[in-house]
Amino acid sequence: MTLEEFWNDFIKCNQLKSTTTYIESFHFELTEKLANSLLELVLSGKKKATASSLLSYEIEGTRIPQVGDYSIVTDWDGVPRCVIETTAVTITPFSQITFDICKREGEDDTLESWQKGHKHFFVEEGKELGYSFSEDMSVVFEDFKVVFVR
């Protein structure tokens, strides 16, 4: 199923205006294994948030998610699996992320584990996009809810 077919099913099932749009389609993480395991956490209801570097939005020239935005989450191969709706957006320095915040991602049992995994992600992403990780870099923390699964 294509992204457009998937999106049109969502529109029809939810009786939304045909002009309703999504801001992006994406998969999580930088490897197939992690992308698909995080998708499963979303589909199971355990993962309800995601964190991104503010620098990545600035470098790629994309806007930061806003409350009410829709996005399509795909598996690693680009197959659409669900639609999420942004419910909150918080921008916080990496060093000020607390366990109460990061546990909403559903990935880690400790703040230290979250920090280690996300530092690795931001370092690798930074190599690709041309920024350097720092403890003070701004993190866009996006809370969401799943609103459609096929």
N, C-alpha and C. Protein backbone atom coordinates (compact mmCIF):
# COMPACT_ATOMS: atom_id res chain seq x y z
N MET A 1 0.84 -1.18 0.00
CA MET A 1 0.00 0.00 0.00
C MET A 1 0.89 1.24 0.00
N THR A 2 0.57 2.20 -0.84
CA THR A 2 1.34 3.44 -0.91
C THR A 2 0.99 4.35 0.26
N LEU A 3 1.83 5.35 0.48
CA LEU A 3 1.55 6.33 1.52
C LEU A 3 0.23 7.04 1.25
N GLU A 4 -0.02 7.39 -0.01
CA GLU A 4 -1.26 8.10 -0.33
C GLU A 4 -2.49 7.23 -0.10
N GLU A 5 -2.42 5.96 -0.46
CA GLU A 5 -3.54 5.05 -0.20
C GLU A 5 -3.78 4.92 1.30
N PHE A 6 -2.71 4.78 2.05
CA PHE A 6 -2.80 4.68 3.50
C PHE A 6 -3.43 5.94 4.08
N TRP A 7 -2.93 7.11 3.65
CA TRP A 7 -3.45 8.37 4.13
C TRP A 7 -4.93 8.54 3.77
N ASN A 8 -5.30 8.18 2.55
CA ASN A 8 -6.70 8.29 2.14
C ASN A 8 -7.60 7.37 2.96
N ASP A 9 -7.11 6.19 3.34
CA ASP A 9 -7.88 5.31 4.23
C ASP A 9 -8.09 5.98 5.59
N PHE A 10 -7.04 6.60 6.11
CA PHE A 10 -7.15 7.33 7.38
C PHE A 10 -8.19 8.43 7.29
N ILE A 11 -8.11 9.23 6.22
CA ILE A 11 -9.07 10.33 6.02
C ILE A 11 -10.50 9.80 5.98
N LYS A 12 -10.71 8.74 5.20
CA LYS A 12 -12.05 8.17 5.04
C LYS A 12 -12.56 7.58 6.35
N CYS A 13 -11.75 6.79 7.03
CA CYS A 13 -12.17 6.14 8.28
C CYS A 13 -12.49 7.15 9.38
N ASN A 14 -11.83 8.29 9.36
CA ASN A 14 -12.03 9.30 10.40
C ASN A 14 -12.92 10.45 9.94
N GLN A 15 -13.45 10.33 8.73
CA GLN A 15 -14.36 11.33 8.17
C GLN A 15 -13.78 12.74 8.27
N LEU A 16 -12.51 12.87 7.88
CA LEU A 16 -11.85 14.16 7.88
C LEU A 16 -11.97 14.81 6.51
N LYS A 17 -11.73 16.10 6.46
CA LYS A 17 -11.75 16.82 5.19
C LYS A 17 -10.65 16.27 4.28
N SER A 18 -10.95 16.18 3.01
CA SER A 18 -9.96 15.64 2.06
C SER A 18 -8.71 16.52 1.97
N THR A 19 -8.80 17.75 2.45
CA THR A 19 -7.66 18.66 2.41
C THR A 19 -6.73 18.48 3.62
N THR A 20 -7.10 17.61 4.55
CA THR A 20 -6.26 17.35 5.73
C THR A 20 -4.93 16.75 5.26
N THR A 21 -3.83 17.25 5.80
CA THR A 21 -2.51 16.79 5.38
C THR A 21 -1.70 16.26 6.56
N TYR A 22 -0.65 15.53 6.22
CA TYR A 22 0.31 15.09 7.24
C TYR A 22 1.62 15.85 7.00
N ILE A 23 2.41 16.04 8.08
CA ILE A 23 3.62 16.83 7.91
C ILE A 23 4.79 16.00 7.40
N GLU A 24 4.78 14.70 7.71
CA GLU A 24 5.88 13.86 7.25
C GLU A 24 5.52 12.39 7.38
N SER A 25 6.26 11.57 6.67
CA SER A 25 6.26 10.13 6.90
C SER A 25 7.69 9.78 7.27
N PHE A 26 7.85 8.90 8.23
CA PHE A 26 9.20 8.60 8.71
C PHE A 26 9.26 7.25 9.40
N HIS A 27 10.47 6.75 9.55
CA HIS A 27 10.73 5.62 10.44
C HIS A 27 11.66 6.11 11.52
N PHE A 28 11.64 5.45 12.66
CA PHE A 28 12.51 5.81 13.76
C PHE A 28 13.92 5.28 13.50
N GLU A 29 14.90 5.94 14.12
CA GLU A 29 16.28 5.47 14.24
C GLU A 29 17.04 5.37 12.92
N LEU A 30 18.28 4.88 13.04
CA LEU A 30 19.20 4.85 11.90
C LEU A 30 19.52 3.45 11.40
N THR A 31 18.92 2.42 12.04
CA THR A 31 19.14 1.05 11.59
C THR A 31 17.80 0.33 11.49
N GLU A 32 17.76 -0.68 10.65
CA GLU A 32 16.51 -1.44 10.45
C GLU A 32 16.02 -2.06 11.75
N LYS A 33 16.91 -2.70 12.48
CA LYS A 33 16.50 -3.37 13.72
C LYS A 33 15.87 -2.40 14.71
N LEU A 34 16.52 -1.27 14.95
CA LEU A 34 15.99 -0.29 15.90
C LEU A 34 14.72 0.37 15.37
N ALA A 35 14.70 0.69 14.09
CA ALA A 35 13.51 1.32 13.51
C ALA A 35 12.28 0.44 13.70
N ASN A 36 12.43 -0.84 13.40
CA ASN A 36 11.27 -1.74 13.50
C ASN A 36 10.91 -2.06 14.94
N SER A 37 11.89 -2.13 15.84
CA SER A 37 11.56 -2.40 17.24
C SER A 37 10.87 -1.19 17.88
N LEU A 38 11.28 0.02 17.52
CA LEU A 38 10.60 1.21 18.05
C LEU A 38 9.19 1.33 17.48
N LEU A 39 9.02 0.97 16.23
CA LEU A 39 7.68 0.95 15.65
C LEU A 39 6.78 0.01 16.44
N GLU A 40 7.27 -1.16 16.80
CA GLU A 40 6.47 -2.11 17.58
C GLU A 40 6.10 -1.53 18.94
N LEU A 41 7.00 -0.75 19.55
CA LEU A 41 6.67 -0.10 20.81
C LEU A 41 5.54 0.91 20.63
N VAL A 42 5.54 1.61 19.50
CA VAL A 42 4.45 2.55 19.20
C VAL A 42 3.14 1.78 19.04
N LEU A 43 3.18 0.73 18.24
CA LEU A 43 1.95 -0.03 17.95
C LEU A 43 1.40 -0.71 19.20
N SER A 44 2.27 -1.06 20.15
CA SER A 44 1.82 -1.70 21.39
C SER A 44 1.33 -0.69 22.41
N GLY A 45 1.55 0.60 22.15
CA GLY A 45 1.11 1.65 23.07
C GLY A 45 2.15 2.03 24.12
N LYS A 46 3.31 1.41 24.08
CA LYS A 46 4.33 1.71 25.08
C LYS A 46 5.10 2.99 24.75
N LYS A 47 5.37 3.23 23.48
CA LYS A 47 6.10 4.43 23.06
C LYS A 47 5.09 5.50 22.68
N LYS A 48 5.14 6.64 23.41
CA LYS A 48 4.18 7.72 23.20
C LYS A 48 4.86 9.06 22.97
N ALA A 49 6.17 9.00 22.68
CA ALA A 49 6.92 10.24 22.45
C ALA A 49 8.19 9.92 21.68
N THR A 50 8.79 10.97 21.14
CA THR A 50 10.06 10.83 20.44
C THR A 50 10.86 12.11 20.63
N ALA A 51 12.18 11.97 20.53
CA ALA A 51 13.06 13.11 20.72
C ALA A 51 13.90 13.32 19.47
N SER A 52 14.06 14.58 19.07
CA SER A 52 14.84 14.94 17.89
C SER A 52 15.73 16.13 18.24
N SER A 53 16.78 16.28 17.47
CA SER A 53 17.65 17.44 17.64
C SER A 53 17.01 18.64 16.97
N LEU A 54 16.97 19.76 17.67
CA LEU A 54 16.48 21.00 17.05
C LEU A 54 17.35 21.36 15.85
N LEU A 55 18.65 21.06 15.94
CA LEU A 55 19.55 21.36 14.84
C LEU A 55 19.16 20.61 13.56
N SER A 56 18.65 19.40 13.70
CA SER A 56 18.26 18.64 12.50
C SER A 56 17.13 19.35 11.75
N TYR A 57 16.18 19.93 12.48
CA TYR A 57 15.10 20.68 11.82
C TYR A 57 15.67 21.91 11.11
N GLU A 58 16.58 22.61 11.79
CA GLU A 58 17.16 23.82 11.21
C GLU A 58 17.98 23.50 9.97
N ILE A 59 18.82 22.47 10.04
CA ILE A 59 19.69 22.11 8.91
C ILE A 59 18.86 21.62 7.72
N GLU A 60 17.83 20.81 7.99
CA GLU A 60 17.01 20.26 6.91
C GLU A 60 15.95 21.24 6.43
N GLY A 61 15.79 22.36 7.12
CA GLY A 61 14.80 23.36 6.71
C GLY A 61 13.37 22.91 6.88
N THR A 62 13.12 22.08 7.88
CA THR A 62 11.76 21.63 8.15
C THR A 62 11.25 22.26 9.44
N ARG A 63 9.95 22.38 9.52
CA ARG A 63 9.39 23.01 10.72
C ARG A 63 9.26 22.00 11.85
N ILE A 64 9.29 22.52 13.04
CA ILE A 64 9.13 21.70 14.24
C ILE A 64 7.67 21.26 14.31
N PRO A 65 7.42 20.02 14.74
CA PRO A 65 6.02 19.58 14.87
C PRO A 65 5.23 20.50 15.80
N GLN A 66 3.93 20.56 15.54
CA GLN A 66 3.03 21.37 16.35
C GLN A 66 1.88 20.49 16.81
N VAL A 67 1.28 20.86 17.93
CA VAL A 67 0.13 20.13 18.45
C VAL A 67 -0.94 20.05 17.37
N GLY A 68 -1.45 18.84 17.16
CA GLY A 68 -2.48 18.62 16.15
C GLY A 68 -1.95 18.12 14.83
N ASP A 69 -0.63 18.14 14.64
CA ASP A 69 -0.03 17.64 13.40
C ASP A 69 -0.20 16.12 13.31
N TYR A 70 -0.35 15.65 12.09
CA TYR A 70 -0.38 14.21 11.81
C TYR A 70 0.92 13.82 11.11
N SER A 71 1.40 12.63 11.42
CA SER A 71 2.55 12.04 10.73
C SER A 71 2.25 10.58 10.48
N ILE A 72 2.84 10.04 9.42
CA ILE A 72 2.72 8.61 9.13
C ILE A 72 4.02 7.95 9.57
N VAL A 73 3.91 6.93 10.40
CA VAL A 73 5.07 6.17 10.83
C VAL A 73 5.14 4.91 9.98
N THR A 74 6.33 4.69 9.41
CA THR A 74 6.55 3.52 8.55
C THR A 74 7.52 2.56 9.22
N ASP A 75 7.61 1.37 8.65
CA ASP A 75 8.69 0.47 9.07
C ASP A 75 9.94 0.89 8.30
N TRP A 76 11.02 0.18 8.51
CA TRP A 76 12.30 0.51 7.86
C TRP A 76 12.18 0.56 6.34
N ASP A 77 11.34 -0.32 5.78
CA ASP A 77 11.19 -0.41 4.33
C ASP A 77 10.24 0.64 3.74
N GLY A 78 9.70 1.50 4.60
CA GLY A 78 8.82 2.56 4.12
C GLY A 78 7.36 2.17 4.01
N VAL A 79 7.00 1.01 4.57
CA VAL A 79 5.60 0.58 4.55
C VAL A 79 4.85 1.32 5.66
N PRO A 80 3.79 2.06 5.32
CA PRO A 80 3.05 2.80 6.35
C PRO A 80 2.36 1.86 7.33
N ARG A 81 2.51 2.14 8.62
CA ARG A 81 1.95 1.27 9.65
C ARG A 81 0.95 1.97 10.56
N CYS A 82 1.13 3.28 10.81
CA CYS A 82 0.17 3.99 11.66
C CYS A 82 0.27 5.49 11.41
N VAL A 83 -0.76 6.19 11.88
CA VAL A 83 -0.77 7.64 11.88
C VAL A 83 -0.72 8.08 13.34
N ILE A 84 0.17 9.03 13.62
CA ILE A 84 0.23 9.60 14.96
C ILE A 84 -0.18 11.07 14.90
N GLU A 85 -0.70 11.56 16.02
CA GLU A 85 -1.05 12.97 16.15
C GLU A 85 -0.22 13.56 17.28
N THR A 86 0.43 14.68 17.01
CA THR A 86 1.24 15.35 18.02
C THR A 86 0.33 15.94 19.09
N THR A 87 0.63 15.64 20.36
CA THR A 87 -0.19 16.14 21.47
C THR A 87 0.53 17.19 22.31
N ALA A 88 1.86 17.23 22.25
CA ALA A 88 2.64 18.24 22.98
C ALA A 88 4.03 18.30 22.37
N VAL A 89 4.65 19.48 22.45
CA VAL A 89 6.02 19.67 21.98
C VAL A 89 6.75 20.50 23.04
N THR A 90 7.89 19.98 23.48
CA THR A 90 8.72 20.67 24.46
C THR A 90 10.14 20.73 23.93
N ILE A 91 10.76 21.89 24.00
CA ILE A 91 12.15 22.03 23.59
C ILE A 91 12.98 22.27 24.85
N THR A 92 13.93 21.36 25.07
CA THR A 92 14.72 21.35 26.30
C THR A 92 16.16 20.98 25.99
N PRO A 93 17.13 21.58 26.68
CA PRO A 93 18.51 21.14 26.50
C PRO A 93 18.66 19.66 26.87
N PHE A 94 19.49 18.95 26.13
CA PHE A 94 19.72 17.52 26.38
C PHE A 94 20.01 17.27 27.85
N SER A 95 20.86 18.10 28.45
CA SER A 95 21.28 17.91 29.84
C SER A 95 20.15 18.09 30.84
N GLN A 96 19.03 18.67 30.43
CA GLN A 96 17.92 18.90 31.35
C GLN A 96 16.76 17.92 31.16
N ILE A 97 16.92 16.95 30.28
CA ILE A 97 15.90 15.91 30.13
C ILE A 97 15.92 15.06 31.39
N THR A 98 14.76 14.88 32.00
CA THR A 98 14.63 14.06 33.21
C THR A 98 14.04 12.70 32.85
N PHE A 99 14.10 11.78 33.79
CA PHE A 99 13.50 10.47 33.54
C PHE A 99 11.99 10.58 33.37
N ASP A 100 11.36 11.51 34.10
CA ASP A 100 9.91 11.70 33.93
C ASP A 100 9.55 12.08 32.50
N ILE A 101 10.45 12.80 31.84
CA ILE A 101 10.22 13.16 30.43
C ILE A 101 10.53 11.98 29.53
N CYS A 102 11.75 11.45 29.63
CA CYS A 102 12.19 10.45 28.65
C CYS A 102 11.47 9.12 28.77
N LYS A 103 10.90 8.79 29.92
CA LYS A 103 10.21 7.50 30.04
C LYS A 103 8.98 7.42 29.14
N ARG A 104 8.47 8.56 28.69
CA ARG A 104 7.32 8.54 27.77
C ARG A 104 7.69 7.94 26.42
N GLU A 105 8.99 7.91 26.12
CA GLU A 105 9.43 7.28 24.88
C GLU A 105 9.30 5.76 24.93
N GLY A 106 9.22 5.20 26.14
CA GLY A 106 8.99 3.76 26.28
C GLY A 106 10.16 2.88 25.90
N GLU A 107 11.35 3.46 25.79
CA GLU A 107 12.51 2.70 25.31
C GLU A 107 13.46 2.28 26.41
N ASP A 108 13.51 3.02 27.49
CA ASP A 108 14.56 2.84 28.49
C ASP A 108 13.98 2.74 29.90
N ASP A 109 14.73 2.03 30.74
CA ASP A 109 14.33 1.87 32.14
C ASP A 109 15.01 2.86 33.07
N THR A 110 16.03 3.58 32.55
CA THR A 110 16.74 4.56 33.37
C THR A 110 17.06 5.79 32.53
N LEU A 111 17.29 6.90 33.20
CA LEU A 111 17.72 8.12 32.51
C LEU A 111 19.07 7.90 31.85
N GLU A 112 19.96 7.18 32.53
CA GLU A 112 21.30 6.95 32.00
C GLU A 112 21.25 6.17 30.68
N SER A 113 20.39 5.18 30.63
CA SER A 113 20.23 4.39 29.40
C SER A 113 19.70 5.28 28.27
N TRP A 114 18.72 6.11 28.58
CA TRP A 114 18.17 7.03 27.58
C TRP A 114 19.27 7.96 27.08
N GLN A 115 20.02 8.54 28.00
CA GLN A 115 21.09 9.47 27.62
C GLN A 115 22.11 8.80 26.72
N LYS A 116 22.53 7.60 27.08
CA LYS A 116 23.53 6.88 26.29
C LYS A 116 23.03 6.62 24.86
N GLY A 117 21.82 6.08 24.76
CA GLY A 117 21.26 5.77 23.44
C GLY A 117 21.02 7.00 22.59
N HIS A 118 20.52 8.05 23.20
CA HIS A 118 20.22 9.25 22.42
C HIS A 118 21.49 10.04 22.09
N LYS A 119 22.46 10.02 22.98
CA LYS A 119 23.74 10.65 22.64
C LYS A 119 24.33 9.97 21.41
N HIS A 120 24.31 8.64 21.40
CA HIS A 120 24.82 7.90 20.24
C HIS A 120 24.06 8.30 18.97
N PHE A 121 22.73 8.35 19.06
CA PHE A 121 21.92 8.74 17.91
C PHE A 121 22.29 10.14 17.43
N PHE A 122 22.36 11.11 18.36
CA PHE A 122 22.65 12.49 17.96
C PHE A 122 24.07 12.64 17.40
N VAL A 123 25.03 11.89 17.93
CA VAL A 123 26.39 11.93 17.38
C VAL A 123 26.38 11.42 15.94
N GLU A 124 25.72 10.27 15.71
CA GLU A 124 25.67 9.69 14.36
C GLU A 124 24.87 10.58 13.40
N GLU A 125 23.73 11.09 13.85
CA GLU A 125 22.95 11.98 13.00
C GLU A 125 23.75 13.24 12.69
N GLY A 126 24.46 13.74 13.69
CA GLY A 126 25.28 14.94 13.50
C GLY A 126 26.34 14.75 12.43
N LYS A 127 26.91 13.55 12.38
CA LYS A 127 27.91 13.26 11.34
C LYS A 127 27.28 13.35 9.96
N GLU A 128 26.05 12.86 9.84
CA GLU A 128 25.35 12.89 8.55
C GLU A 128 24.90 14.30 8.16
N LEU A 129 24.44 15.07 9.16
CA LEU A 129 23.85 16.38 8.85
C LEU A 129 24.82 17.55 9.02
N GLY A 130 25.94 17.32 9.71
CA GLY A 130 26.91 18.39 9.86
C GLY A 130 26.77 19.20 11.14
N TYR A 131 26.35 18.60 12.22
CA TYR A 131 26.36 19.29 13.51
C TYR A 131 27.09 18.42 14.52
N SER A 132 27.47 19.04 15.63
CA SER A 132 28.16 18.33 16.69
C SER A 132 27.27 18.23 17.92
N PHE A 133 27.24 17.07 18.52
CA PHE A 133 26.48 16.86 19.74
C PHE A 133 27.10 17.66 20.89
N SER A 134 26.26 18.22 21.73
CA SER A 134 26.71 18.81 22.99
C SER A 134 25.62 18.57 24.03
N GLU A 135 26.02 18.55 25.28
CA GLU A 135 25.07 18.34 26.38
C GLU A 135 24.03 19.46 26.45
N ASP A 136 24.37 20.62 25.90
CA ASP A 136 23.46 21.76 25.95
C ASP A 136 22.61 21.93 24.69
N MET A 137 22.78 21.03 23.71
CA MET A 137 22.00 21.16 22.48
C MET A 137 20.51 20.99 22.78
N SER A 138 19.69 21.70 22.03
CA SER A 138 18.24 21.65 22.24
C SER A 138 17.64 20.39 21.63
N VAL A 139 16.79 19.75 22.41
CA VAL A 139 16.08 18.54 21.99
C VAL A 139 14.60 18.89 21.86
N VAL A 140 14.03 18.51 20.73
CA VAL A 140 12.59 18.67 20.50
C VAL A 140 11.95 17.37 20.96
N PHE A 141 11.21 17.46 22.06
CA PHE A 141 10.55 16.28 22.62
C PHE A 141 9.08 16.35 22.23
N GLU A 142 8.66 15.39 21.41
CA GLU A 142 7.30 15.37 20.84
C GLU A 142 6.49 14.23 21.44
N ASP A 143 5.42 14.58 22.14
CA ASP A 143 4.46 13.58 22.62
C ASP A 143 3.42 13.36 21.53
N PHE A 144 2.94 12.11 21.42
CA PHE A 144 1.97 11.81 20.38
C PHE A 144 1.03 10.70 20.83
N LYS A 145 -0.05 10.56 20.06
CA LYS A 145 -0.95 9.42 20.25
C LYS A 145 -1.18 8.79 18.90
N VAL A 146 -1.35 7.47 18.90
CA VAL A 146 -1.67 6.75 17.68
C VAL A 146 -3.15 6.95 17.40
N VAL A 147 -3.47 7.40 16.20
CA VAL A 147 -4.86 7.66 15.85
C VAL A 147 -5.37 6.77 14.72
N PHE A 148 -4.47 5.96 14.14
CA PHE A 148 -4.89 5.06 13.06
C PHE A 148 -3.86 3.98 12.86
N VAL A 149 -4.32 2.75 12.79
CA VAL A 149 -3.46 1.61 12.50
C VAL A 149 -4.17 0.79 11.44
N ARG A 150 -3.40 0.30 10.48
CA ARG A 150 -3.98 -0.54 9.43
C ARG A 150 -3.51 -1.94 9.61
